[in-house]
Amino acid sequence: MSEQEKEEYPNDEWELHELMESFSSELDRFEDTLSFKAYGRGVTFGLTSLNLELHVFVRFDSKTEKWFFKSAKPGEAGASTLKLDLPSLLRDEIHTHGKRYELYNATPVSSLPDIKKVQIFRLARLGIFTVGDLKTLSISPELRNVVIHRAQIDEETLAGWLKIPYIREIKPVDNELLIVGRDFLDLGYRGSVIIEGKAAEVLEWSVDLIRVKIPKGVKAGSLVVRGDQVVSNRVLFRTGADLPGRPVQMVRGIGRVFAQRLTEAGIDTVEKLLEIDPDSLSGILKASRTRVLNILEAARKGVFDKA
């Protein structure tokens, strides 16, 4: 391993929950890939088992009462063997997928306004050739994020192509939220605003503005605009500039080591994390761009693994 690789992938100590969180994140991405391939090829893919055998050094910290692990180098003596069997974790990651041809839109994606040739090529690699394919694989914010990152398409542009409600900004005003965006009108009062899993009371609804009451007890969290068969992008908010932001270590993919590096760089909340561009964050975390994009995606979607 070169010196640059050693710096980018340092052999730091880790906790078992950090390892499991990384596996969970990778399995999420793997499940998305299976979904795309299954859709494009008309077959079902599934991962039925995953068994790992890791050679590690184990240390117990009596002050924190926590176990810490460090990966052994190839051939390094004195390491313990850690065996992991993950069937229960994988069970939730296995799905069946099939094509639905009713109301299927066979218009090629090349007909979409201002789409670039490289985007058409990247969509094709995901098994997306028609507007129908794109709609099916963009039905949720989570699936749309896969399309956005892998095809390098702007989130608002994708929402505009598919006529999906898009949230640009959330403005807290007293005990209400003003949701500014586009394509809200078609939903009308058939739609709903979901805040931290709770349906908010709608006070006003127009094509580019929704006004809702904040559910009792909710001071921060994630929000989506939901219709019968469409869901907007997921946006984080908090009520009041004086309230503390959510700790950055809550985000999926950020363990003890990454949290420490972020804190040293002055990034201690999710809000500050979302202000950092991927290249800068990659340098701060000393991690690959792909891993950084996954972390930013989790922060943007409000995927919090820790209380």
Protein backbone atom coordinates (compact mmCIF):
# COMPACT_ATOMS: atom_id res chain seq x y z
CA MET A 1 0.00 0.00 0.00
CA SER A 2 1.35 3.41 -0.98
CA GLU A 3 1.80 6.26 1.52
CA GLN A 4 -1.11 8.10 -0.08
CA GLU A 5 -3.35 5.04 0.32
CA LYS A 6 -2.27 4.66 3.94
CA GLU A 7 -3.28 8.25 4.57
CA GLU A 8 -6.63 7.83 2.76
CA TYR A 9 -7.44 4.50 4.43
CA PRO A 10 -5.84 4.64 7.90
CA ASN A 11 -6.02 1.48 10.02
CA ASP A 12 -7.85 3.11 12.94
CA GLU A 13 -9.62 1.37 15.78
CA TRP A 14 -13.35 0.83 15.37
CA GLU A 15 -16.36 -0.35 17.35
CA LEU A 16 -18.55 -3.25 16.28
CA HIS A 17 -21.60 -1.02 15.72
CA GLU A 18 -19.54 1.08 13.27
CA LEU A 19 -18.74 -2.04 11.27
CA MET A 20 -22.39 -3.09 11.23
CA GLU A 21 -23.47 0.41 10.16
CA SER A 22 -21.01 0.26 7.24
CA PHE A 23 -22.37 -3.15 6.22
CA SER A 24 -25.92 -1.84 6.45
CA SER A 25 -25.08 1.14 4.25
CA GLU A 26 -23.35 -1.05 1.65
CA LEU A 27 -26.22 -3.53 1.67
CA ASP A 28 -28.68 -0.68 1.08
CA ARG A 29 -26.70 0.29 -2.02
CA PHE A 30 -26.44 -3.36 -3.07
CA GLU A 31 -30.22 -3.80 -2.76
CA ASP A 32 -30.76 -0.75 -4.95
CA THR A 33 -28.43 -2.22 -7.58
CA LEU A 34 -30.33 -5.52 -7.50
CA SER A 35 -33.59 -3.61 -7.96
CA PHE A 36 -32.30 -1.88 -11.09
CA LYS A 37 -30.85 -5.06 -12.58
CA ALA A 38 -33.96 -7.08 -11.79
CA TYR A 39 -36.15 -4.48 -13.44
CA GLY A 40 -34.01 -4.24 -16.57
CA ARG A 41 -33.48 -7.97 -17.07
CA GLY A 42 -36.88 -9.30 -15.98
CA VAL A 43 -35.38 -11.67 -13.40
CA THR A 44 -35.05 -11.71 -9.63
CA PHE A 45 -31.75 -11.28 -7.85
CA GLY A 46 -31.12 -11.89 -4.17
CA LEU A 47 -28.29 -12.23 -1.68
CA THR A 48 -29.10 -15.19 0.55
CA SER A 49 -26.14 -15.27 2.95
CA LEU A 50 -23.05 -13.39 3.97
CA ASN A 51 -20.39 -14.85 6.24
CA LEU A 52 -17.29 -12.92 7.20
CA GLU A 53 -14.12 -13.90 9.00
CA LEU A 54 -12.02 -10.98 10.19
CA HIS A 55 -8.61 -11.05 11.87
CA VAL A 56 -8.51 -8.32 14.49
CA PHE A 57 -6.82 -7.09 17.65
CA VAL A 58 -9.24 -6.50 20.51
CA ARG A 59 -8.95 -3.89 23.28
CA PHE A 60 -11.29 -3.21 26.20
CA ASP A 61 -11.39 0.39 27.47
CA SER A 62 -12.23 0.25 31.18
CA LYS A 63 -13.04 4.00 31.31
CA THR A 64 -15.74 3.88 28.64
CA GLU A 65 -16.49 0.17 29.14
CA LYS A 66 -16.35 -0.34 25.39
CA TRP A 67 -14.63 -2.91 23.16
CA PHE A 68 -12.44 -1.60 20.34
CA PHE A 69 -11.17 -3.52 17.34
CA LYS A 70 -8.29 -2.97 14.92
CA SER A 71 -7.83 -4.91 11.69
CA ALA A 72 -4.74 -7.09 11.53
CA LYS A 73 -2.34 -6.71 8.64
CA PRO A 74 -1.82 -9.73 6.36
CA GLY A 75 0.30 -12.31 8.19
CA GLU A 76 0.42 -10.27 11.42
CA ALA A 77 0.70 -12.59 14.43
CA GLY A 78 -1.37 -12.50 17.62
CA ALA A 79 -4.69 -11.48 16.09
CA SER A 80 -8.05 -12.91 17.12
CA THR A 81 -10.61 -14.22 14.64
CA LEU A 82 -13.98 -12.47 14.51
CA LYS A 83 -16.66 -14.49 12.67
CA LEU A 84 -19.88 -12.81 11.53
CA ASP A 85 -22.98 -14.44 10.07
CA LEU A 86 -25.48 -11.88 8.88
CA PRO A 87 -28.66 -13.70 7.78
CA SER A 88 -31.00 -11.57 9.89
CA LEU A 89 -29.52 -8.35 8.51
CA LEU A 90 -29.76 -9.67 4.97
CA ARG A 91 -33.35 -10.85 5.29
CA ASP A 92 -34.58 -7.28 5.06
CA GLU A 93 -32.37 -6.63 2.06
CA ILE A 94 -33.86 -9.38 -0.17
CA HIS A 95 -36.81 -8.37 -2.33
CA THR A 96 -38.47 -9.54 -5.51
CA HIS A 97 -39.02 -7.14 -8.34
CA GLY A 98 -41.08 -7.31 -11.49
CA LYS A 99 -42.13 -5.04 -14.33
CA ARG A 100 -45.53 -3.39 -14.33
CA TYR A 101 -46.76 -2.66 -17.83
CA GLU A 102 -50.12 -1.08 -17.02
CA LEU A 103 -50.00 2.65 -17.76
CA TYR A 104 -46.38 2.14 -18.81
CA ASN A 105 -44.75 5.15 -20.51
CA ALA A 106 -42.49 3.89 -23.30
CA THR A 107 -41.27 7.35 -24.34
CA PRO A 108 -37.43 7.24 -24.53
CA VAL A 109 -35.54 9.27 -21.94
CA SER A 110 -33.78 11.08 -24.79
CA SER A 111 -37.03 13.05 -25.23
CA LEU A 112 -36.69 14.68 -21.81
CA PRO A 113 -35.90 18.42 -22.04
CA ASP A 114 -32.21 19.36 -21.84
CA ILE A 115 -31.07 15.84 -20.97
CA LYS A 116 -27.38 15.28 -21.77
CA LYS A 117 -25.98 12.35 -23.74
CA VAL A 118 -23.81 11.30 -20.81
CA GLN A 119 -26.91 11.22 -18.57
CA ILE A 120 -28.74 9.03 -21.09
CA PHE A 121 -25.73 6.69 -21.07
CA ARG A 122 -25.61 6.57 -17.26
CA LEU A 123 -29.34 5.92 -17.03
CA ALA A 124 -28.96 3.07 -19.53
CA ARG A 125 -26.33 1.50 -17.27
CA LEU A 126 -29.00 1.44 -14.55
CA GLY A 127 -31.47 -0.25 -16.90
CA ILE A 128 -33.43 2.98 -17.46
CA PHE A 129 -34.32 3.52 -21.12
CA THR A 130 -37.79 5.05 -21.04
CA VAL A 131 -39.70 7.65 -19.03
CA GLY A 132 -41.69 4.72 -17.62
CA ASP A 133 -38.49 3.12 -16.35
CA LEU A 134 -37.44 6.42 -14.78
CA LYS A 135 -40.81 6.92 -13.06
CA THR A 136 -40.84 3.40 -11.65
CA LEU A 137 -37.31 3.72 -10.26
CA SER A 138 -37.93 7.20 -8.86
CA ILE A 139 -41.06 6.42 -6.88
CA SER A 140 -39.46 7.18 -3.48
CA PRO A 141 -36.89 9.77 -2.32
CA GLU A 142 -34.47 6.93 -1.54
CA LEU A 143 -34.61 5.43 -5.06
CA ARG A 144 -34.44 8.91 -6.62
CA ASN A 145 -31.23 9.58 -4.72
CA VAL A 146 -29.67 6.50 -6.33
CA VAL A 147 -30.66 7.78 -9.79
CA ILE A 148 -29.48 11.33 -8.98
CA HIS A 149 -26.03 10.27 -7.82
CA ARG A 150 -25.33 7.51 -10.31
CA ALA A 151 -26.63 9.39 -13.36
CA GLN A 152 -25.38 12.80 -12.11
CA ILE A 153 -28.77 14.49 -12.54
CA ASP A 154 -29.79 17.55 -10.54
CA GLU A 155 -32.51 16.68 -8.02
CA GLU A 156 -34.86 19.50 -9.03
CA THR A 157 -34.36 18.72 -12.73
CA LEU A 158 -35.39 15.09 -12.16
CA ALA A 159 -38.44 16.20 -10.17
CA GLY A 160 -39.40 18.56 -13.00
CA TRP A 161 -39.12 15.82 -15.63
CA LEU A 162 -41.41 13.54 -13.62
CA LYS A 163 -43.77 16.27 -12.30
CA ILE A 164 -42.96 15.28 -8.73
CA PRO A 165 -43.45 17.86 -5.95
CA TYR A 166 -40.11 19.43 -5.06
CA ILE A 167 -39.27 21.28 -1.83
CA ARG A 168 -36.78 24.13 -2.27
CA GLU A 169 -36.90 25.66 1.20
CA ILE A 170 -38.61 25.40 4.59
CA LYS A 171 -39.22 28.54 6.65
CA PRO A 172 -40.29 28.14 10.32
CA VAL A 173 -42.66 30.93 11.46
CA ASP A 174 -43.85 30.65 15.06
CA ASN A 175 -45.65 27.28 15.27
CA GLU A 176 -46.00 26.97 11.49
CA LEU A 177 -43.84 25.94 8.56
CA LEU A 178 -43.84 27.58 5.14
CA ILE A 179 -42.84 25.00 2.52
CA VAL A 180 -41.59 26.66 -0.67
CA GLY A 181 -41.25 24.60 -3.85
CA ARG A 182 -42.92 23.58 -7.08
CA ASP A 183 -45.58 21.25 -8.52
CA PHE A 184 -47.68 21.17 -5.33
CA LEU A 185 -50.97 22.22 -6.95
CA ASP A 186 -51.95 18.93 -8.56
CA LEU A 187 -51.92 17.29 -5.14
CA GLY A 188 -54.21 19.89 -3.57
CA TYR A 189 -55.73 18.74 -0.31
CA ARG A 190 -55.52 15.14 -1.48
CA GLY A 191 -51.89 15.39 -0.49
CA SER A 192 -50.35 15.55 2.96
CA VAL A 193 -47.24 16.85 4.67
CA ILE A 194 -45.44 14.28 6.82
CA ILE A 195 -43.15 15.63 9.56
CA GLU A 196 -41.17 13.06 11.55
CA GLY A 197 -43.77 10.44 10.66
CA LYS A 198 -46.70 12.64 11.71
CA ALA A 199 -49.26 14.21 9.35
CA ALA A 200 -49.24 17.99 9.79
CA GLU A 201 -52.40 20.11 9.68
CA VAL A 202 -52.53 21.93 6.32
CA LEU A 203 -53.48 25.63 6.54
CA GLU A 204 -52.76 26.70 2.95
CA TRP A 205 -51.87 24.87 -0.29
CA SER A 206 -50.89 26.34 -3.67
CA VAL A 207 -48.66 25.44 -6.61
CA ASP A 208 -45.48 26.74 -4.95
CA LEU A 209 -46.33 27.20 -1.25
CA ILE A 210 -47.74 25.02 1.52
CA ARG A 211 -48.38 26.30 5.05
CA VAL A 212 -48.77 23.77 7.86
CA LYS A 213 -48.92 23.63 11.64
CA ILE A 214 -45.93 21.98 13.29
CA PRO A 215 -47.07 18.81 15.15
CA LYS A 216 -46.93 19.19 18.91
CA GLY A 217 -43.56 18.33 20.42
CA VAL A 218 -41.67 18.40 17.10
CA LYS A 219 -38.80 20.90 17.01
CA ALA A 220 -36.60 19.43 14.29
CA GLY A 221 -36.55 16.58 11.83
CA SER A 222 -37.31 15.58 8.25
CA LEU A 223 -40.29 16.49 6.10
CA VAL A 224 -41.85 15.24 2.85
CA VAL A 225 -44.88 16.23 0.77
CA ARG A 226 -46.86 13.09 -0.06
CA GLY A 227 -49.56 12.38 -2.64
CA ASP A 228 -51.44 9.22 -3.61
CA GLN A 229 -48.50 7.80 -5.57
CA VAL A 230 -45.77 10.42 -5.30
CA VAL A 231 -43.44 11.63 -2.58
CA SER A 232 -41.30 14.77 -2.70
CA ASN A 233 -37.65 15.07 -1.78
CA ARG A 234 -36.92 14.77 1.95
CA VAL A 235 -35.74 17.98 3.63
CA LEU A 236 -34.40 18.60 7.15
CA PHE A 237 -35.61 21.50 9.25
CA ARG A 238 -35.44 22.89 12.78
CA THR A 239 -37.56 25.49 14.50
CA GLY A 240 -35.59 28.48 15.73
CA ALA A 241 -31.98 29.47 15.13
CA ASP A 242 -31.30 29.19 18.86
CA LEU A 243 -31.95 25.46 18.91
CA PRO A 244 -28.89 23.19 18.65
CA GLY A 245 -28.50 21.25 15.41
CA ARG A 246 -28.53 17.48 15.28
CA PRO A 247 -25.12 15.95 16.13
CA VAL A 248 -23.26 14.90 13.01
CA GLN A 249 -22.53 11.43 14.42
CA MET A 250 -26.25 10.60 14.13
CA VAL A 251 -25.94 10.25 10.36
CA ARG A 252 -25.64 6.76 8.93
CA GLY A 253 -22.07 6.06 7.87
CA ILE A 254 -20.45 8.42 10.39
CA GLY A 255 -18.78 6.51 13.18
CA ARG A 256 -16.41 7.56 15.93
CA VAL A 257 -13.41 8.21 13.67
CA PHE A 258 -15.29 10.24 11.06
CA ALA A 259 -17.13 12.19 13.78
CA GLN A 260 -13.80 13.14 15.35
CA ARG A 261 -12.37 14.34 12.03
CA LEU A 262 -15.50 16.38 11.33
CA THR A 263 -15.48 17.94 14.79
CA GLU A 264 -11.83 18.90 14.41
CA ALA A 265 -12.84 20.67 11.17
CA GLY A 266 -15.62 22.56 12.97
CA ILE A 267 -18.43 20.43 11.51
CA ASP A 268 -20.43 19.17 14.47
CA THR A 269 -24.03 19.26 13.21
CA VAL A 270 -25.97 17.80 10.29
CA GLU A 271 -26.78 21.33 9.10
CA LYS A 272 -23.07 22.22 8.86
CA LEU A 273 -22.34 18.89 7.16
CA LEU A 274 -24.84 19.65 4.37
CA GLU A 275 -23.07 22.93 3.64
CA ILE A 276 -19.83 21.14 2.68
CA ASP A 277 -19.20 20.14 -0.93
CA PRO A 278 -18.28 16.47 -1.60
CA ASP A 279 -14.66 17.15 -2.61
CA SER A 280 -13.92 19.16 0.55
CA LEU A 281 -15.64 16.56 2.72
CA SER A 282 -13.63 13.79 1.07
CA GLY A 283 -10.44 15.60 2.11
CA ILE A 284 -11.66 16.12 5.67
CA LEU A 285 -12.73 12.50 6.15
CA LYS A 286 -9.85 11.06 4.11
CA ALA A 287 -12.45 8.90 2.39
CA SER A 288 -13.43 8.11 -1.18
CA ARG A 289 -15.90 10.31 -3.03
CA THR A 290 -18.37 7.43 -3.26
CA ARG A 291 -18.41 6.98 0.50
CA VAL A 292 -18.76 10.74 1.02
CA LEU A 293 -21.73 10.90 -1.39
CA ASN A 294 -23.43 8.10 0.56
CA ILE A 295 -22.95 10.03 3.82
CA LEU A 296 -24.31 13.26 2.32
CA GLU A 297 -27.24 11.33 0.86
CA ALA A 298 -28.05 9.87 4.29
CA ALA A 299 -27.84 13.35 5.89
CA ARG A 300 -30.05 14.85 3.20
CA LYS A 301 -32.65 12.06 3.57
CA GLY A 302 -32.58 12.26 7.35
CA VAL A 303 -31.28 8.70 7.79
CA PHE A 304 -30.25 8.75 11.44
CA ASP A 305 -29.03 5.54 13.04
CA LYS A 306 -28.42 6.90 16.52
CA ALA A 307 -30.58 8.77 19.01
